[in-house]
Protein backbone atom coordinates (compact mmCIF):
# COMPACT_ATOMS: atom_id res chain seq x y z
CA MET A 1 22.56 23.61 3.15
CA ARG A 2 22.83 20.01 1.88
CA ILE A 3 20.18 17.41 2.70
CA ALA A 4 20.44 13.77 1.66
CA ILE A 5 17.41 11.94 0.24
CA ALA A 6 16.75 8.19 0.19
CA SER A 7 13.77 5.89 -0.03
CA LEU A 8 13.20 2.16 0.40
CA MET A 9 9.53 1.25 0.43
CA GLN A 10 7.73 -2.06 0.58
CA GLU A 11 4.68 -3.25 2.51
CA SER A 12 5.37 -6.86 3.43
CA ASN A 13 2.89 -9.70 3.86
CA SER A 14 3.99 -12.67 5.95
CA PHE A 15 1.40 -14.91 4.28
CA SER A 16 2.25 -14.16 0.63
CA PRO A 17 3.82 -16.99 -1.41
CA LEU A 18 6.03 -14.46 -3.25
CA PRO A 19 9.39 -13.52 -1.67
CA THR A 20 10.51 -9.95 -2.32
CA THR A 21 13.91 -10.00 -4.04
CA LEU A 22 16.16 -7.43 -5.65
CA ALA A 23 14.52 -8.30 -8.96
CA THR A 24 11.14 -7.42 -7.43
CA PHE A 25 12.35 -3.90 -6.66
CA GLU A 26 13.94 -3.56 -10.09
CA SER A 27 10.64 -4.53 -11.73
CA TYR A 28 8.98 -1.46 -10.15
CA TYR A 29 11.67 1.18 -9.82
CA LEU A 30 15.22 1.56 -8.55
CA HIS A 31 16.66 5.07 -8.96
CA ARG A 32 20.32 5.64 -8.14
CA GLY A 33 21.97 8.97 -7.40
CA ASP A 34 20.77 11.84 -9.57
CA GLU A 35 18.27 9.53 -11.31
CA ILE A 36 16.06 10.38 -8.32
CA LEU A 37 15.79 13.99 -9.48
CA THR A 38 13.93 13.08 -12.67
CA GLY A 39 12.98 9.41 -12.28
CA TYR A 40 9.58 10.07 -10.73
CA GLY A 41 8.33 12.15 -13.64
CA ASP A 42 5.05 13.81 -12.66
CA ALA A 43 4.20 11.30 -9.92
CA ARG A 44 2.83 12.88 -6.76
CA THR A 45 4.61 10.74 -4.18
CA GLU A 46 6.80 11.46 -1.17
CA VAL A 47 10.22 11.97 -2.80
CA PRO A 48 8.92 14.51 -5.34
CA GLY A 49 7.38 16.28 -2.32
CA PHE A 50 10.81 16.34 -0.66
CA LEU A 51 12.42 17.75 -3.79
CA ALA A 52 9.81 20.48 -4.26
CA VAL A 53 10.41 21.83 -0.75
CA LEU A 54 14.19 21.67 -1.02
CA ALA A 55 14.10 23.51 -4.34
CA GLU A 56 11.86 26.20 -2.88
CA ALA A 57 14.19 26.62 0.11
CA GLY A 58 17.34 26.71 -2.01
CA VAL A 59 18.69 23.52 -0.43
CA GLU A 60 20.97 21.17 -2.34
CA PRO A 61 19.49 17.66 -2.52
CA VAL A 62 22.04 14.87 -2.14
CA SER A 63 20.38 11.95 -3.88
CA LEU A 64 21.27 8.48 -2.58
CA LEU A 65 18.91 5.72 -3.69
CA ALA A 66 15.15 5.26 -4.12
CA ALA A 67 13.64 1.79 -4.48
CA TYR A 68 10.06 0.57 -4.40
CA ALA A 69 8.35 -2.79 -4.59
CA ALA A 70 4.63 -3.35 -4.31
CA ALA A 71 3.35 -5.32 -1.34
CA SER A 72 4.47 -8.93 -1.43
CA GLY A 73 6.17 -11.49 0.76
CA THR A 74 8.93 -10.66 3.20
CA VAL A 75 12.12 -9.12 1.79
CA THR A 76 15.11 -11.45 1.46
CA ARG A 77 18.13 -10.49 3.55
CA ALA A 78 20.25 -10.46 0.40
CA ALA A 79 17.99 -7.91 -1.31
CA PHE A 80 17.69 -5.77 1.81
CA ASP A 81 21.43 -5.66 2.42
CA ALA A 82 22.14 -4.91 -1.23
CA LEU A 83 19.83 -1.88 -1.22
CA VAL A 84 20.59 -0.55 2.27
CA GLY A 85 24.28 -1.24 1.73
CA GLU A 86 24.24 0.91 -1.39
CA MET A 87 22.45 3.67 0.53
CA GLU A 88 25.19 3.49 3.15
CA GLU A 89 27.96 3.66 0.55
CA ARG A 90 26.41 6.64 -1.19
CA LEU A 91 25.85 8.46 2.11
CA ARG A 92 29.50 7.95 3.11
CA ALA A 93 30.66 9.16 -0.29
CA ALA A 94 28.42 12.23 -0.24
CA GLY A 95 30.52 14.16 2.24
CA PRO A 96 29.03 16.29 5.01
CA VAL A 97 25.24 16.73 4.95
CA ASP A 98 23.04 18.79 7.26
CA GLY A 99 20.20 16.29 7.43
CA LEU A 100 18.57 13.23 5.86
CA LEU A 101 15.09 12.70 4.44
CA LEU A 102 13.86 9.09 4.30
CA ALA A 103 10.67 7.96 2.56
CA LEU A 104 9.75 4.63 4.14
CA HIS A 105 6.57 2.59 4.32
CA GLY A 106 6.80 1.45 7.93
CA ALA A 107 5.79 -2.19 7.39
CA LEU A 108 8.84 -3.59 5.62
CA VAL A 109 9.67 -7.00 7.09
CA VAL A 110 12.93 -8.76 6.30
CA GLU A 111 13.01 -12.56 6.46
CA ASP A 112 15.18 -12.39 9.61
CA GLN A 113 14.14 -8.96 10.92
CA PRO A 114 10.54 -8.01 11.82
CA ASP A 115 11.38 -4.29 11.68
CA GLY A 116 13.19 -3.53 8.47
CA ASP A 117 12.37 0.19 8.64
CA GLY A 118 13.87 0.47 12.11
CA GLU A 119 17.06 -1.18 10.85
CA ILE A 120 17.26 1.26 7.93
CA ILE A 121 17.03 4.23 10.30
CA ALA A 122 19.63 2.72 12.66
CA ARG A 123 22.09 2.03 9.84
CA MET A 124 21.76 5.57 8.47
CA ARG A 125 22.27 7.06 11.94
CA ASP A 126 25.44 5.03 12.41
CA ILE A 127 26.97 6.87 9.45
CA LEU A 128 25.80 10.40 10.23
CA PRO A 129 27.48 12.51 12.94
CA PRO A 130 25.54 12.61 16.24
CA GLY A 131 22.91 15.31 16.23
CA THR A 132 22.24 15.18 12.48
CA PRO A 133 18.44 15.34 12.11
CA ILE A 134 16.53 12.73 10.12
CA GLY A 135 12.97 13.24 8.88
CA VAL A 136 10.99 10.11 7.96
CA SER A 137 7.73 9.94 6.02
CA LEU A 138 5.54 6.90 6.67
CA ASP A 139 2.49 5.19 5.21
CA LEU A 140 -0.63 5.18 7.37
CA HIS A 141 -0.39 1.37 7.52
CA GLY A 142 3.09 1.33 9.06
CA HIS A 143 3.98 -1.02 11.92
CA ILE A 144 5.46 1.44 14.42
CA THR A 145 8.08 0.13 16.84
CA PRO A 146 10.37 1.54 19.53
CA LEU A 147 13.35 0.78 17.24
CA MET A 148 12.05 3.40 14.83
CA LEU A 149 11.99 6.07 17.56
CA GLN A 150 15.67 6.87 17.69
CA PRO A 151 17.44 10.07 18.79
CA ASP A 152 17.48 12.91 16.23
CA VAL A 153 14.67 11.28 14.24
CA PHE A 154 11.11 12.52 13.67
CA HIS A 155 8.28 10.83 11.74
CA ILE A 156 5.42 12.23 9.67
CA GLY A 157 2.62 9.89 8.52
CA TYR A 158 -0.01 10.06 5.82
CA ARG A 159 -3.20 11.78 6.98
CA ALA A 160 -5.52 10.27 4.37
CA TYR A 161 -6.79 6.85 3.39
CA PRO A 162 -7.33 6.37 0.49
CA HIS A 163 -3.74 7.59 0.20
CA ILE A 164 -4.16 10.86 -1.67
CA ASP A 165 -1.62 12.89 0.32
CA MET A 166 1.70 11.15 -0.43
CA PHE A 167 3.21 14.25 -2.04
CA GLU A 168 1.90 16.46 0.76
CA THR A 169 3.36 14.11 3.38
CA GLY A 170 6.73 14.47 1.68
CA GLU A 171 6.32 18.24 1.75
CA ARG A 172 5.44 18.32 5.46
CA THR A 173 8.41 16.12 6.33
CA ALA A 174 10.87 18.20 4.30
CA ARG A 175 9.59 21.54 5.61
CA LEU A 176 10.00 20.42 9.20
CA LEU A 177 13.51 19.13 8.55
CA VAL A 178 14.56 22.34 6.79
CA ASP A 179 13.24 24.38 9.74
CA VAL A 180 15.20 22.23 12.20
CA VAL A 181 18.42 22.44 10.18
CA ALA A 182 18.01 26.20 9.72
CA GLY A 183 17.58 26.65 13.47
CA ARG A 184 14.05 28.02 13.18
CA ARG A 185 12.75 25.38 15.57
CA PRO A 186 14.26 22.73 17.88
CA MET A 187 14.29 19.04 17.06
CA PRO A 188 10.76 17.89 17.92
CA ALA A 189 9.96 15.14 20.43
CA MET A 190 8.19 11.93 19.42
CA ALA A 191 5.71 9.93 21.50
CA LEU A 192 4.25 6.51 20.69
CA ALA A 193 1.14 4.87 22.16
CA LYS A 194 -0.04 1.43 21.02
CA ARG A 195 -2.98 -0.91 21.60
CA PRO A 196 -3.27 -4.66 20.82
CA LEU A 197 -5.82 -4.03 18.10
CA LEU A 198 -6.04 -5.07 14.45
CA VAL A 199 -8.37 -3.14 12.18
CA SER A 200 -9.35 -4.32 8.72
CA PRO A 201 -8.30 -1.78 6.07
CA VAL A 202 -11.91 -1.96 4.92
CA CYS A 203 -12.75 0.10 8.03
CA THR A 204 -9.95 2.65 8.14
CA ARG A 205 -10.99 5.17 5.53
CA THR A 206 -10.55 8.77 6.64
CA THR A 207 -13.31 9.90 4.28
CA ASP A 208 -16.18 8.11 6.03
CA GLY A 209 -16.91 5.30 8.47
CA PRO A 210 -15.82 4.67 12.07
CA PHE A 211 -12.22 5.83 11.62
CA ARG A 212 -13.08 9.31 10.39
CA PRO A 213 -13.93 10.84 13.81
CA ILE A 214 -10.59 9.69 15.24
CA ALA A 215 -8.72 11.08 12.23
CA LEU A 216 -10.55 14.38 12.72
CA ALA A 217 -9.50 14.40 16.40
CA ALA A 218 -5.88 14.11 15.29
CA ARG A 219 -6.34 17.01 12.87
CA ALA A 220 -7.92 19.12 15.64
CA MET A 221 -4.86 18.53 17.84
CA GLU A 222 -2.64 19.86 15.06
CA GLN A 223 -4.87 22.86 14.39
CA SER A 224 -4.86 23.78 18.08
CA GLY A 225 -1.08 24.16 17.97
CA ALA A 226 -0.57 21.67 20.81
CA VAL A 227 1.28 19.26 18.50
CA ILE A 228 3.14 19.50 15.20
CA HIS A 229 1.78 16.30 13.74
CA ALA A 230 -0.49 13.53 15.02
CA ALA A 231 -0.30 10.33 12.98
CA LEU A 232 -2.58 7.30 13.25
CA PHE A 233 -1.38 3.87 12.14
CA PRO A 234 -4.08 1.17 11.87
CA VAL A 235 -1.16 -1.03 10.69
CA GLN A 236 -0.70 -3.49 7.84
CA PRO A 237 -2.52 -6.39 9.54
CA TRP A 238 -1.08 -9.21 7.42
CA ILE A 239 2.40 -9.22 8.95
CA ASP A 240 3.11 -11.89 11.53
CA VAL A 241 5.44 -9.99 13.88
CA PRO A 242 5.65 -9.28 17.64
CA ASP A 243 3.86 -6.23 19.12
CA LEU A 244 1.55 -5.86 16.14
CA GLY A 245 -1.25 -3.38 16.71
CA PHE A 246 -2.71 0.09 16.34
CA ALA A 247 -0.33 3.01 16.97
CA ALA A 248 -0.66 6.74 17.54
CA LEU A 249 2.59 8.60 16.90
CA VAL A 250 2.76 12.28 17.82
CA CYS A 251 5.39 14.87 17.01
CA ALA A 252 5.51 17.98 19.24
CA ASP A 253 7.91 20.54 20.68
CA ASP A 254 6.87 19.53 24.20
CA PRO A 255 7.51 15.84 25.09
CA ALA A 256 4.70 15.84 27.67
CA ALA A 257 2.21 17.22 25.15
CA ALA A 258 3.28 14.61 22.60
CA GLY A 259 2.82 11.78 25.11
CA GLU A 260 -0.57 13.02 26.29
CA ALA A 261 -1.88 13.40 22.73
CA ALA A 262 -0.64 9.97 21.60
CA GLU A 263 -2.18 8.27 24.62
CA SER A 264 -5.50 10.08 24.11
CA LEU A 265 -5.76 9.02 20.46
CA ALA A 266 -4.79 5.39 21.14
CA GLU A 267 -7.26 5.10 24.00
CA THR A 268 -10.08 6.60 21.92
CA MET A 269 -9.41 4.02 19.23
CA TRP A 270 -9.36 1.24 21.81
CA GLN A 271 -12.65 2.29 23.37
CA HIS A 272 -14.30 2.14 19.93
CA ARG A 273 -12.69 -1.16 18.86
CA ALA A 274 -16.04 -2.95 18.55
CA ASP A 275 -17.07 -0.48 15.81
CA PHE A 276 -14.40 -1.70 13.43
CA PHE A 277 -15.73 -5.02 12.19
CA PRO A 278 -16.21 -4.70 8.41
CA GLU A 279 -19.53 -5.13 6.64
CA LEU A 280 -18.84 -8.04 4.30
CA THR A 281 -21.06 -9.50 1.58
CA PRO A 282 -20.96 -13.18 0.58
CA LEU A 283 -19.41 -13.44 -2.88
CA ASP A 284 -22.35 -15.18 -4.54
CA GLN A 285 -24.73 -12.57 -3.15
CA ALA A 286 -22.55 -9.72 -4.46
CA ILE A 287 -22.70 -11.26 -7.94
CA ARG A 288 -26.49 -11.60 -7.84
CA ILE A 289 -26.84 -7.98 -6.76
CA GLY A 290 -24.53 -6.80 -9.51
CA LEU A 291 -26.16 -8.73 -12.34
CA ALA A 292 -29.69 -7.75 -11.29
CA GLY A 293 -29.23 -4.19 -10.01
CA PRO A 294 -29.28 -1.00 -12.09
CA GLY A 295 -26.02 0.75 -12.83
CA MET A 296 -22.55 -0.57 -12.05
CA THR A 297 -21.87 -2.58 -8.91
CA LEU A 298 -18.32 -2.19 -7.64
CA VAL A 299 -17.04 -5.10 -5.54
CA SER A 300 -13.88 -5.33 -3.47
CA ASP A 301 -12.11 -8.70 -3.71
CA ALA A 302 -10.35 -7.76 -0.47
CA GLY A 303 -8.91 -11.21 0.25
CA ASP A 304 -6.66 -11.15 -2.83
CA ALA A 305 -5.38 -7.55 -2.74
CA PRO A 306 -1.87 -7.09 -4.20
CA THR A 307 -1.41 -3.80 -2.31
CA GLY A 308 -1.71 -5.87 0.86
CA GLY A 309 0.77 -8.46 -0.38
CA SER A 310 -1.40 -11.01 -2.17
CA ALA A 311 -0.17 -12.73 -5.31
CA ALA A 312 -3.47 -11.63 -6.92
CA ASP A 313 -3.84 -15.09 -8.46
CA SER A 314 -6.95 -16.43 -6.71
CA PRO A 315 -9.66 -17.64 -9.13
CA ALA A 316 -12.34 -17.54 -6.40
CA VAL A 317 -14.18 -14.63 -8.04
CA LEU A 318 -13.95 -16.19 -11.51
CA GLU A 319 -15.36 -19.48 -10.23
CA ALA A 320 -18.21 -17.66 -8.49
CA LEU A 321 -19.00 -15.58 -11.60
CA ILE A 322 -19.27 -18.70 -13.75
CA ALA A 323 -21.34 -20.47 -11.10
CA GLY A 324 -23.62 -17.42 -10.92
CA GLY A 325 -24.18 -17.36 -14.69
CA ALA A 326 -22.23 -14.17 -15.41
CA ASP A 327 -20.72 -15.77 -18.51
CA LYS A 328 -24.24 -16.20 -19.93
CA SER A 329 -25.40 -12.71 -19.00
CA ALA A 330 -25.91 -9.93 -21.55
CA ARG A 331 -24.38 -7.54 -18.97
CA LEU A 332 -20.61 -7.47 -18.60
CA SER A 333 -18.50 -8.40 -15.57
CA TYR A 334 -14.85 -7.30 -15.16
CA LEU A 335 -12.21 -8.95 -13.00
CA THR A 336 -8.44 -9.38 -12.91
CA LEU A 337 -6.05 -12.26 -12.30
CA CYS A 338 -2.27 -12.55 -12.21
CA ASP A 339 -1.15 -15.55 -14.27
CA PRO A 340 1.98 -15.21 -16.47
CA PRO A 341 1.57 -18.59 -18.27
CA ALA A 342 -2.04 -17.73 -19.19
CA VAL A 343 -0.93 -14.37 -20.62
CA ALA A 344 1.80 -16.08 -22.63
CA ALA A 345 -0.71 -18.58 -24.04
CA ALA A 346 -3.14 -15.81 -24.98
CA ALA A 347 -0.36 -13.81 -26.64
CA GLN A 348 0.75 -16.82 -28.63
CA ALA A 349 -2.83 -17.38 -29.81
CA GLY A 350 -3.28 -13.72 -30.77
CA VAL A 351 -6.16 -11.24 -30.72
CA GLY A 352 -9.39 -12.78 -31.99
CA ALA A 353 -8.29 -16.35 -31.30
CA ALA A 354 -10.32 -18.82 -29.28
CA VAL A 355 -8.42 -20.20 -26.29
CA ARG A 356 -8.88 -22.97 -23.77
CA LEU A 357 -6.48 -22.68 -20.85
CA PRO A 358 -6.12 -23.01 -17.07
CA VAL A 359 -6.01 -19.81 -15.03
CA GLY A 360 -5.44 -19.10 -11.35
CA HIS A 361 -3.09 -20.19 -8.56
CA ALA A 362 -0.06 -19.43 -10.70
CA PHE A 363 1.90 -18.70 -7.51
CA SER A 364 -0.25 -20.00 -4.63
CA HIS A 365 -0.16 -23.60 -5.85
CA VAL A 366 -0.88 -25.13 -2.45
CA GLU A 367 -4.12 -23.19 -2.02
CA GLY A 368 -6.16 -24.69 -4.85
CA LEU A 369 -6.44 -25.75 -8.46
CA PRO A 370 -6.68 -23.50 -11.52
CA VAL A 371 -9.94 -23.04 -13.42
CA THR A 372 -10.09 -24.06 -17.09
CA ILE A 373 -11.71 -21.36 -19.22
CA VAL A 374 -12.87 -21.23 -22.82
CA GLY A 375 -12.88 -17.75 -24.31
CA MET A 376 -11.61 -15.34 -26.94
CA VAL A 377 -8.58 -13.04 -26.76
CA LEU A 378 -9.84 -9.45 -27.05
CA HIS A 379 -6.75 -7.37 -26.27
CA LEU A 380 -3.01 -7.68 -25.73
CA SER A 381 -0.62 -5.06 -24.33
CA ASP A 382 2.56 -4.45 -22.34
CA GLY A 383 0.37 -3.61 -19.33
CA ARG A 384 1.71 -0.07 -18.82
CA TYR A 385 -0.55 2.79 -17.80
CA ARG A 386 -0.49 6.00 -15.78
CA MET A 387 -2.61 6.67 -12.73
CA THR A 388 -5.04 9.51 -13.36
CA ASP A 389 -7.14 9.87 -10.23
CA GLY A 390 -6.15 7.16 -7.76
CA GLY A 391 -3.92 9.24 -5.48
CA PRO A 392 -0.28 9.28 -6.66
CA ASN A 393 -1.44 10.70 -10.01
CA GLY A 394 1.06 10.53 -12.84
CA LEU A 395 2.72 7.40 -11.46
CA GLU A 396 3.39 4.88 -14.22
CA LEU A 397 2.44 1.33 -13.34
CA CYS A 398 3.23 -1.88 -15.14
CA MET A 399 1.17 -5.05 -14.98
CA GLY A 400 3.64 -6.84 -17.25
CA PRO A 401 2.38 -8.41 -20.49
CA THR A 402 -1.40 -8.36 -20.22
CA ALA A 403 -4.33 -9.97 -22.00
CA VAL A 404 -8.09 -9.45 -21.91
CA ILE A 405 -10.07 -12.64 -22.49
CA ALA A 406 -13.83 -12.70 -23.11
CA ILE A 407 -15.64 -15.63 -21.47
CA GLY A 408 -19.15 -14.89 -22.67
CA GLY A 409 -20.22 -11.85 -20.61
CA ILE A 410 -17.08 -11.99 -18.43
CA ARG A 411 -14.04 -9.86 -19.24
CA LEU A 412 -10.98 -11.34 -17.57
CA LEU A 413 -7.93 -9.05 -17.43
CA VAL A 414 -4.95 -11.37 -17.00
CA ARG A 415 -1.58 -9.83 -16.18
CA SER A 416 1.95 -11.09 -15.60
CA GLN A 417 2.80 -9.46 -12.27
CA PRO A 418 0.83 -8.26 -9.24
CA SER A 419 0.06 -4.56 -9.43
CA MET A 420 -1.92 -2.13 -7.31
CA GLU A 421 -5.59 -1.87 -8.26
CA TRP A 422 -6.23 1.72 -7.20
CA ASP A 423 -7.01 3.49 -10.45
CA LYS A 424 -9.70 2.83 -13.06
CA ALA A 425 -7.04 3.38 -15.73
CA MET A 426 -6.09 -0.24 -15.04
CA TYR A 427 -9.23 -1.34 -16.89
CA VAL A 428 -9.71 1.64 -19.21
CA SER A 429 -6.18 1.31 -20.61
CA GLN A 430 -7.03 -2.24 -21.67
CA GLY A 431 -10.19 -1.31 -23.57
CA LEU A 432 -12.61 -1.89 -20.68
CA PRO A 433 -14.50 1.35 -19.86
CA LEU A 434 -16.39 1.19 -16.56
CA GLU A 435 -19.65 2.41 -18.06
CA ASP A 436 -19.93 -0.80 -20.11
CA ALA A 437 -19.95 -3.07 -17.04
CA ALA A 438 -22.63 -4.22 -14.61
CA LEU A 439 -20.06 -5.75 -12.23
CA VAL A 440 -16.52 -4.54 -11.63
CA PHE A 441 -14.24 -6.42 -9.22
CA VAL A 442 -11.18 -4.74 -7.75
CA LYS A 443 -8.52 -6.47 -5.65
CA SER A 444 -8.28 -3.71 -3.04
CA PRO A 445 -9.86 -3.28 0.41
CA SER A 446 -10.55 0.48 0.32
CA HIS A 447 -8.24 2.60 -1.81
CA PHE A 448 -10.10 1.76 -5.03
CA ARG A 449 -13.01 3.97 -3.90
CA GLN A 450 -11.08 7.13 -4.77
CA SER A 451 -10.98 6.40 -8.50
CA PHE A 452 -13.64 3.74 -9.15
CA GLY A 453 -16.21 4.93 -6.61
CA PRO A 454 -17.76 7.87 -8.53
CA ALA A 455 -18.82 5.54 -11.36
CA ALA A 456 -20.55 3.03 -9.06
CA ALA A 457 -24.21 2.75 -8.19
CA ARG A 458 -23.24 0.72 -5.12
CA ILE A 459 -20.04 -0.55 -3.48
CA LEU A 460 -19.74 -3.94 -1.76
CA VAL A 461 -16.87 -5.68 0.02
CA ALA A 462 -16.91 -9.41 -0.68
CA ASN A 463 -15.77 -11.80 2.04
CA THR A 464 -13.20 -13.44 -0.20
CA PRO A 465 -10.41 -15.79 0.94
CA GLY A 466 -6.69 -15.15 0.62
CA PRO A 467 -3.60 -13.70 2.30
CA THR A 468 -5.31 -10.31 2.70
CA ALA A 469 -8.55 -11.59 4.22
CA PRO A 470 -10.71 -8.63 5.35
CA ASP A 471 -11.91 -10.58 8.40
CA MET A 472 -8.98 -10.32 10.83
CA ARG A 473 -10.09 -13.50 12.60
CA ARG A 474 -9.16 -15.55 9.52
CA ILE A 475 -5.46 -14.61 9.61
CA PRO A 476 -3.28 -17.57 10.77
CA PHE A 477 -0.87 -15.72 13.08
CA THR A 478 1.89 -17.68 14.83
CA ARG A 479 4.32 -14.91 15.91
CA ALA A 480 2.11 -11.94 16.70
CA THR A 481 1.94 -11.08 20.39
CA ARG A 482 -1.32 -12.27 21.97
CA PRO A 483 -3.91 -11.39 23.14
CA LEU A 484 -4.82 -9.36 20.07
CA TYR A 485 -8.30 -8.00 19.36
CA PRO A 486 -10.50 -9.16 17.60
CA LEU A 487 -8.71 -12.53 17.49
CA ASP A 488 -8.96 -12.70 21.26
CA PRO A 489 -11.64 -11.34 23.60
CA ILE A 490 -10.19 -8.37 25.48
């Protein structure tokens, strides 16, 4: 048995000032051919999950291409065609295969195509002989469309948010595909049900909050044996595309059972839509609480989250910290900012040097002016670290050249490229242990809780501005199909 493996993952943001180019993918990872077999190291993500199952089953993996870019602006057509075109070439050259495993995000938007993932699936199917099964793993924040539901294709989504089951999702997808190819079960049916509903990622944790009961209902359907897999997709809300909304996608042997389950889950979500408005704290209030309260206060800067597609360059938190007197406090405050020129200036000055430099809006120039800081360079590094307890443990991340600047009681971690803020190793690797801080800001709406949460005395979500605003009503949609709750009364 020979099964091909490919992956092209990016979560787009229509409101980000940063286009996603081929260089963007190359700055994260781009594995070609057999590089896929070892390129992930110990990372617990979808493709290693695929490989583990295929090895256990004695199946030959046919490695095509695996590329990843963190959330950012829409993907250029040139970059998309270069990567998908190479996948096509490698699939044609591979010879006969019995099936294909695809690790996709589900919310990849090309500059001229609102459904990049659907196009990837269609282009792969055009090469494979009719009837060749394709198994697709998807992020829980995928934008699910009819184009993705093509013949001979099934989809398996993450069950957990924070995303701690990437590897397991890869395993589930590969096991089902191997069973189909081996003739142990028929190709399953897929059913999709959607509602015109946007839910802030602040409210879609499966660990607690209003989304948990609906996630548990999906798990109960699976445990009953009525369906193979029931996936819920609260969607990446910061993509301006038609038919945006919540989706339930069910995989079952019986098409009627799949349709009934998907409709039941979507309707349950719709009936509880009023429960999903996030509890947000004004930024200045969050700072006062953190500086005065015992223990460490963990604050989500949700409006500037790079995993949602922000450039991570907003100085709103820094301005508020200075206005709130955090620089004069004996207790420390941590925050991050993406600003390559500021890092270069700090590196040129050197560790221990005093610096005066502008920071902020390195990419989002039209949204505001930088803030001039006076501080001391504490630490310089290449910005590389490994995730330890944020979900895809073992994954190496790179913030690019990075500097830590002390502005009185403020510790500003300045990096050269946007990078996910899921794991406390981001700060610890730069000489900033959490136990030393009174206030820790993280540019993430929810996922940060997995790693940072155990160290916090309290967790707040600040109502910060930016392209990943946690209040859905602040998103300036122009292409999304309306009406759309909660933007419109329905």
